[in-house]
Amino acid sequence: MDDHTLKHLTELNQRLLEMNQFAEALYLNEVRTESYSVDFFGMVKPFADEVTEKTEQWLPLAIKRVQEKQPKDLHENQLTQTVDNFEVVAIKSFYPETSRKKQIETFKAVEYVLKQVQELL
């Protein structure tokens, strides 16, 4: 992986970590309050669209990096599952009826894999 591609993957990975943290904070601190109301077009859709855009760029680069480094505790299927999990996070974080336990587990799973990729960079 050349320096430019590695830099791009690093930036994408960092942005995804930030987005996961944002979604978690929003879900825990705002969404579950009585005064919160869902703003689908103002917040949910733009956030979900950015998650999709970033993960579509991130996945092939992350897979390539995992193939190059061959870490013992990170595999391609985990990367693909992380993208799926992140797309769930991107939508369900904005809805108070989402299961708190499941949502927190999903945030942690996404963060774990992103941090594993970060270590490969």
N, C-alpha and C. Protein backbone atom coordinates (compact mmCIF):
# COMPACT_ATOMS: atom_id res chain seq x y z
N MET A 1 0.86 -1.18 0.00
CA MET A 1 0.00 0.00 0.00
C MET A 1 0.90 1.24 0.00
N ASP A 2 0.70 2.11 -0.98
CA ASP A 2 1.56 3.30 -1.07
C ASP A 2 1.18 4.32 0.01
N ASP A 3 2.04 5.32 0.19
CA ASP A 3 1.85 6.31 1.25
C ASP A 3 0.54 7.09 1.10
N HIS A 4 0.19 7.43 -0.12
CA HIS A 4 -1.03 8.20 -0.37
C HIS A 4 -2.27 7.39 0.04
N THR A 5 -2.29 6.13 -0.34
CA THR A 5 -3.42 5.26 0.00
C THR A 5 -3.48 5.02 1.50
N LEU A 6 -2.33 4.84 2.11
CA LEU A 6 -2.26 4.64 3.55
C LEU A 6 -2.78 5.87 4.30
N LYS A 7 -2.41 7.05 3.81
CA LYS A 7 -2.88 8.31 4.41
C LYS A 7 -4.40 8.42 4.27
N HIS A 8 -4.91 8.06 3.10
CA HIS A 8 -6.35 8.12 2.86
C HIS A 8 -7.09 7.16 3.80
N LEU A 9 -6.59 5.95 3.94
CA LEU A 9 -7.20 4.98 4.85
C LEU A 9 -7.16 5.50 6.29
N THR A 10 -6.06 6.09 6.68
CA THR A 10 -5.93 6.66 8.03
C THR A 10 -6.98 7.73 8.27
N GLU A 11 -7.15 8.62 7.29
CA GLU A 11 -8.14 9.69 7.41
C GLU A 11 -9.57 9.13 7.47
N LEU A 12 -9.87 8.17 6.62
CA LEU A 12 -11.19 7.55 6.62
C LEU A 12 -11.46 6.86 7.95
N ASN A 13 -10.49 6.11 8.42
CA ASN A 13 -10.64 5.37 9.67
C ASN A 13 -10.89 6.34 10.83
N GLN A 14 -10.13 7.43 10.86
CA GLN A 14 -10.30 8.43 11.92
C GLN A 14 -11.69 9.07 11.85
N ARG A 15 -12.13 9.39 10.65
CA ARG A 15 -13.46 10.00 10.48
C ARG A 15 -14.56 9.03 10.93
N LEU A 16 -14.41 7.77 10.60
CA LEU A 16 -15.41 6.78 11.02
C LEU A 16 -15.43 6.62 12.54
N LEU A 17 -14.27 6.65 13.16
CA LEU A 17 -14.21 6.60 14.62
C LEU A 17 -14.96 7.79 15.22
N GLU A 18 -14.72 8.98 14.65
CA GLU A 18 -15.39 10.18 15.13
C GLU A 18 -16.89 10.09 14.95
N MET A 19 -17.32 9.57 13.81
CA MET A 19 -18.74 9.45 13.53
C MET A 19 -19.40 8.44 14.48
N ASN A 20 -18.73 7.37 14.78
CA ASN A 20 -19.24 6.38 15.72
C ASN A 20 -19.39 7.01 17.11
N GLN A 21 -18.38 7.76 17.53
CA GLN A 21 -18.42 8.42 18.83
C GLN A 21 -19.54 9.47 18.87
N PHE A 22 -19.71 10.21 17.78
CA PHE A 22 -20.78 11.20 17.69
C PHE A 22 -22.15 10.52 17.84
N ALA A 23 -22.35 9.44 17.09
CA ALA A 23 -23.63 8.73 17.13
C ALA A 23 -23.90 8.18 18.52
N GLU A 24 -22.87 7.66 19.16
CA GLU A 24 -23.04 7.11 20.51
C GLU A 24 -23.41 8.22 21.50
N ALA A 25 -22.70 9.33 21.45
CA ALA A 25 -22.99 10.45 22.35
C ALA A 25 -24.39 11.00 22.11
N LEU A 26 -24.74 11.14 20.85
CA LEU A 26 -26.08 11.63 20.50
C LEU A 26 -27.16 10.69 21.05
N TYR A 27 -26.97 9.42 20.81
CA TYR A 27 -27.95 8.42 21.26
C TYR A 27 -28.09 8.43 22.78
N LEU A 28 -26.98 8.44 23.48
CA LEU A 28 -27.02 8.34 24.94
C LEU A 28 -27.45 9.64 25.62
N ASN A 29 -27.09 10.79 25.03
CA ASN A 29 -27.31 12.07 25.71
C ASN A 29 -28.51 12.88 25.22
N GLU A 30 -28.94 12.64 23.99
CA GLU A 30 -30.02 13.46 23.45
C GLU A 30 -31.24 12.65 23.01
N VAL A 31 -30.99 11.61 22.24
CA VAL A 31 -32.09 10.87 21.61
C VAL A 31 -33.04 10.28 22.65
N ARG A 32 -32.52 9.88 23.76
CA ARG A 32 -33.35 9.21 24.75
C ARG A 32 -34.01 10.18 25.73
N THR A 33 -33.97 11.48 25.43
CA THR A 33 -34.65 12.46 26.27
C THR A 33 -36.05 12.71 25.73
N GLU A 34 -36.93 13.19 26.57
CA GLU A 34 -38.31 13.44 26.16
C GLU A 34 -38.44 14.57 25.15
N SER A 35 -37.53 15.53 25.19
CA SER A 35 -37.63 16.69 24.31
C SER A 35 -37.09 16.43 22.89
N TYR A 36 -36.50 15.29 22.68
CA TYR A 36 -35.89 14.98 21.37
C TYR A 36 -36.96 14.60 20.35
N SER A 37 -36.78 15.10 19.13
CA SER A 37 -37.62 14.63 18.02
C SER A 37 -36.73 14.37 16.82
N VAL A 38 -37.06 13.33 16.08
CA VAL A 38 -36.26 12.88 14.94
C VAL A 38 -36.36 13.90 13.80
N ASP A 39 -35.19 14.28 13.26
CA ASP A 39 -35.14 15.15 12.08
C ASP A 39 -34.52 14.32 10.96
N PHE A 40 -35.37 13.59 10.24
CA PHE A 40 -34.88 12.65 9.25
C PHE A 40 -34.05 13.33 8.16
N PHE A 41 -34.60 14.35 7.52
CA PHE A 41 -33.91 14.98 6.39
C PHE A 41 -32.80 15.92 6.84
N GLY A 42 -32.91 16.48 8.04
CA GLY A 42 -31.89 17.41 8.52
C GLY A 42 -30.70 16.73 9.16
N MET A 43 -30.93 15.54 9.75
CA MET A 43 -29.85 14.90 10.48
C MET A 43 -29.62 13.44 10.10
N VAL A 44 -30.67 12.64 10.13
CA VAL A 44 -30.51 11.19 9.92
C VAL A 44 -29.97 10.89 8.52
N LYS A 45 -30.63 11.39 7.50
CA LYS A 45 -30.23 11.08 6.13
C LYS A 45 -28.81 11.57 5.81
N PRO A 46 -28.46 12.84 6.13
CA PRO A 46 -27.09 13.27 5.84
C PRO A 46 -26.03 12.43 6.56
N PHE A 47 -26.31 12.08 7.81
CA PHE A 47 -25.36 11.26 8.57
C PHE A 47 -25.23 9.88 7.95
N ALA A 48 -26.35 9.25 7.66
CA ALA A 48 -26.34 7.90 7.06
C ALA A 48 -25.67 7.93 5.69
N ASP A 49 -25.92 8.97 4.91
CA ASP A 49 -25.28 9.09 3.59
C ASP A 49 -23.77 9.20 3.72
N GLU A 50 -23.30 9.98 4.70
CA GLU A 50 -21.84 10.10 4.89
C GLU A 50 -21.24 8.78 5.36
N VAL A 51 -21.93 8.09 6.24
CA VAL A 51 -21.44 6.78 6.70
C VAL A 51 -21.30 5.84 5.50
N THR A 52 -22.30 5.80 4.64
CA THR A 52 -22.25 4.93 3.46
C THR A 52 -21.10 5.32 2.55
N GLU A 53 -20.95 6.61 2.30
CA GLU A 53 -19.87 7.09 1.44
C GLU A 53 -18.50 6.71 2.00
N LYS A 54 -18.30 6.96 3.29
CA LYS A 54 -17.00 6.69 3.91
C LYS A 54 -16.72 5.19 4.01
N THR A 55 -17.72 4.40 4.37
CA THR A 55 -17.47 2.96 4.51
C THR A 55 -17.23 2.30 3.16
N GLU A 56 -17.87 2.82 2.10
CA GLU A 56 -17.62 2.27 0.76
C GLU A 56 -16.17 2.52 0.32
N GLN A 57 -15.60 3.63 0.74
CA GLN A 57 -14.20 3.91 0.43
C GLN A 57 -13.27 3.13 1.37
N TRP A 58 -13.67 3.04 2.64
CA TRP A 58 -12.84 2.44 3.68
C TRP A 58 -12.68 0.94 3.51
N LEU A 59 -13.76 0.22 3.19
CA LEU A 59 -13.75 -1.24 3.19
C LEU A 59 -12.68 -1.85 2.28
N PRO A 60 -12.60 -1.49 0.99
CA PRO A 60 -11.56 -2.12 0.16
C PRO A 60 -10.14 -1.80 0.62
N LEU A 61 -9.95 -0.59 1.14
CA LEU A 61 -8.61 -0.22 1.63
C LEU A 61 -8.27 -0.98 2.91
N ALA A 62 -9.25 -1.11 3.80
CA ALA A 62 -9.02 -1.84 5.05
C ALA A 62 -8.76 -3.32 4.76
N ILE A 63 -9.50 -3.89 3.82
CA ILE A 63 -9.28 -5.29 3.44
C ILE A 63 -7.86 -5.46 2.89
N LYS A 64 -7.46 -4.55 2.04
CA LYS A 64 -6.11 -4.63 1.46
C LYS A 64 -5.05 -4.56 2.56
N ARG A 65 -5.25 -3.67 3.54
CA ARG A 65 -4.29 -3.53 4.63
C ARG A 65 -4.24 -4.81 5.49
N VAL A 66 -5.39 -5.39 5.76
CA VAL A 66 -5.44 -6.63 6.53
C VAL A 66 -4.75 -7.76 5.76
N GLN A 67 -4.95 -7.80 4.45
CA GLN A 67 -4.28 -8.83 3.64
C GLN A 67 -2.77 -8.65 3.67
N GLU A 68 -2.32 -7.41 3.66
CA GLU A 68 -0.88 -7.14 3.70
C GLU A 68 -0.26 -7.49 5.05
N LYS A 69 -0.92 -7.08 6.12
CA LYS A 69 -0.36 -7.24 7.47
C LYS A 69 -0.69 -8.58 8.11
N GLN A 70 -1.76 -9.21 7.69
CA GLN A 70 -2.21 -10.49 8.20
C GLN A 70 -2.20 -10.58 9.74
N PRO A 71 -2.93 -9.68 10.39
CA PRO A 71 -2.99 -9.76 11.86
C PRO A 71 -3.76 -11.00 12.30
N LYS A 72 -3.41 -11.52 13.46
CA LYS A 72 -4.04 -12.74 13.95
C LYS A 72 -5.48 -12.51 14.42
N ASP A 73 -5.76 -11.29 14.87
CA ASP A 73 -7.06 -11.03 15.50
C ASP A 73 -7.98 -10.12 14.69
N LEU A 74 -7.73 -10.00 13.39
CA LEU A 74 -8.59 -9.19 12.54
C LEU A 74 -8.68 -9.84 11.16
N HIS A 75 -9.91 -10.05 10.70
CA HIS A 75 -10.13 -10.75 9.44
C HIS A 75 -11.09 -9.97 8.55
N GLU A 76 -11.07 -10.29 7.27
CA GLU A 76 -11.89 -9.58 6.29
C GLU A 76 -13.38 -9.59 6.64
N ASN A 77 -13.87 -10.73 7.11
CA ASN A 77 -15.30 -10.81 7.43
C ASN A 77 -15.68 -9.85 8.56
N GLN A 78 -14.75 -9.56 9.48
CA GLN A 78 -15.01 -8.58 10.54
C GLN A 78 -15.15 -7.17 9.95
N LEU A 79 -14.37 -6.89 8.94
CA LEU A 79 -14.44 -5.57 8.29
C LEU A 79 -15.80 -5.40 7.60
N THR A 80 -16.22 -6.43 6.90
CA THR A 80 -17.52 -6.40 6.22
C THR A 80 -18.65 -6.28 7.24
N GLN A 81 -18.56 -7.02 8.32
CA GLN A 81 -19.58 -6.95 9.38
C GLN A 81 -19.59 -5.56 10.02
N THR A 82 -18.44 -4.94 10.13
CA THR A 82 -18.36 -3.60 10.71
C THR A 82 -19.11 -2.59 9.85
N VAL A 83 -18.98 -2.72 8.54
CA VAL A 83 -19.72 -1.84 7.64
C VAL A 83 -21.23 -2.04 7.85
N ASP A 84 -21.66 -3.28 7.93
CA ASP A 84 -23.08 -3.57 8.17
C ASP A 84 -23.53 -2.98 9.51
N ASN A 85 -22.73 -3.19 10.54
CA ASN A 85 -23.07 -2.66 11.86
C ASN A 85 -23.13 -1.13 11.85
N PHE A 86 -22.20 -0.52 11.14
CA PHE A 86 -22.15 0.93 11.10
C PHE A 86 -23.39 1.50 10.40
N GLU A 87 -23.85 0.80 9.40
CA GLU A 87 -25.06 1.28 8.71
C GLU A 87 -26.28 1.19 9.62
N VAL A 88 -26.31 0.20 10.50
CA VAL A 88 -27.37 0.10 11.50
C VAL A 88 -27.24 1.26 12.49
N VAL A 89 -26.03 1.49 12.97
CA VAL A 89 -25.76 2.59 13.90
C VAL A 89 -26.19 3.93 13.29
N ALA A 90 -25.90 4.10 12.02
CA ALA A 90 -26.16 5.37 11.34
C ALA A 90 -27.64 5.73 11.33
N ILE A 91 -28.50 4.75 11.38
CA ILE A 91 -29.94 5.02 11.37
C ILE A 91 -30.52 4.92 12.78
N LYS A 92 -30.27 3.82 13.45
CA LYS A 92 -30.93 3.56 14.73
C LYS A 92 -30.49 4.48 15.86
N SER A 93 -29.35 5.14 15.72
CA SER A 93 -28.87 6.05 16.76
C SER A 93 -29.79 7.26 16.93
N PHE A 94 -30.62 7.52 15.94
CA PHE A 94 -31.48 8.70 15.97
C PHE A 94 -32.89 8.40 16.49
N TYR A 95 -33.14 7.14 16.84
CA TYR A 95 -34.49 6.75 17.23
C TYR A 95 -34.51 6.24 18.67
N PRO A 96 -35.29 6.88 19.55
CA PRO A 96 -35.29 6.52 20.97
C PRO A 96 -35.81 5.11 21.26
N GLU A 97 -36.60 4.54 20.36
CA GLU A 97 -37.13 3.20 20.63
C GLU A 97 -36.11 2.08 20.35
N THR A 98 -34.95 2.46 19.87
CA THR A 98 -33.88 1.49 19.63
C THR A 98 -33.42 0.89 20.97
N SER A 99 -33.21 -0.40 20.98
CA SER A 99 -32.75 -1.09 22.19
C SER A 99 -31.40 -0.54 22.65
N ARG A 100 -31.37 -0.02 23.86
CA ARG A 100 -30.14 0.60 24.41
C ARG A 100 -29.00 -0.42 24.46
N LYS A 101 -29.28 -1.60 24.99
CA LYS A 101 -28.23 -2.62 25.15
C LYS A 101 -27.63 -3.01 23.80
N LYS A 102 -28.49 -3.29 22.85
CA LYS A 102 -28.01 -3.70 21.52
C LYS A 102 -27.25 -2.56 20.84
N GLN A 103 -27.73 -1.36 20.99
CA GLN A 103 -27.08 -0.21 20.35
C GLN A 103 -25.68 0.01 20.94
N ILE A 104 -25.56 -0.07 22.25
CA ILE A 104 -24.26 0.10 22.89
C ILE A 104 -23.29 -1.00 22.46
N GLU A 105 -23.78 -2.22 22.37
CA GLU A 105 -22.93 -3.33 21.90
C GLU A 105 -22.46 -3.08 20.47
N THR A 106 -23.34 -2.53 19.64
CA THR A 106 -22.97 -2.25 18.25
C THR A 106 -21.94 -1.13 18.18
N PHE A 107 -22.12 -0.08 18.98
CA PHE A 107 -21.11 0.99 19.02
C PHE A 107 -19.74 0.41 19.39
N LYS A 108 -19.72 -0.43 20.41
CA LYS A 108 -18.46 -1.02 20.87
C LYS A 108 -17.83 -1.93 19.82
N ALA A 109 -18.66 -2.70 19.12
CA ALA A 109 -18.14 -3.59 18.08
C ALA A 109 -17.51 -2.80 16.94
N VAL A 110 -18.18 -1.73 16.52
CA VAL A 110 -17.65 -0.88 15.45
C VAL A 110 -16.34 -0.25 15.91
N GLU A 111 -16.33 0.30 17.11
CA GLU A 111 -15.13 0.95 17.62
C GLU A 111 -13.96 -0.02 17.73
N TYR A 112 -14.23 -1.22 18.20
CA TYR A 112 -13.17 -2.23 18.34
C TYR A 112 -12.47 -2.49 17.01
N VAL A 113 -13.24 -2.73 15.97
CA VAL A 113 -12.64 -3.04 14.66
C VAL A 113 -11.91 -1.82 14.10
N LEU A 114 -12.50 -0.64 14.24
CA LEU A 114 -11.83 0.56 13.74
C LEU A 114 -10.50 0.79 14.46
N LYS A 115 -10.46 0.51 15.75
CA LYS A 115 -9.20 0.66 16.50
C LYS A 115 -8.19 -0.41 16.10
N GLN A 116 -8.68 -1.60 15.77
CA GLN A 116 -7.78 -2.66 15.28
C GLN A 116 -7.16 -2.24 13.94
N VAL A 117 -7.96 -1.66 13.07
CA VAL A 117 -7.43 -1.18 11.78
C VAL A 117 -6.43 -0.05 12.04
N GLN A 118 -6.76 0.83 12.97
CA GLN A 118 -5.87 1.95 13.29
C GLN A 118 -4.49 1.44 13.71
N GLU A 119 -4.46 0.35 14.44
CA GLU A 119 -3.18 -0.21 14.87
C GLU A 119 -2.35 -0.74 13.69
N LEU A 120 -3.03 -1.13 12.62
CA LEU A 120 -2.32 -1.60 11.42
C LEU A 120 -1.74 -0.46 10.60
N LEU A 121 -2.15 0.76 10.91
CA LEU A 121 -1.70 1.92 10.16
C LEU A 121 -0.47 2.47 10.81
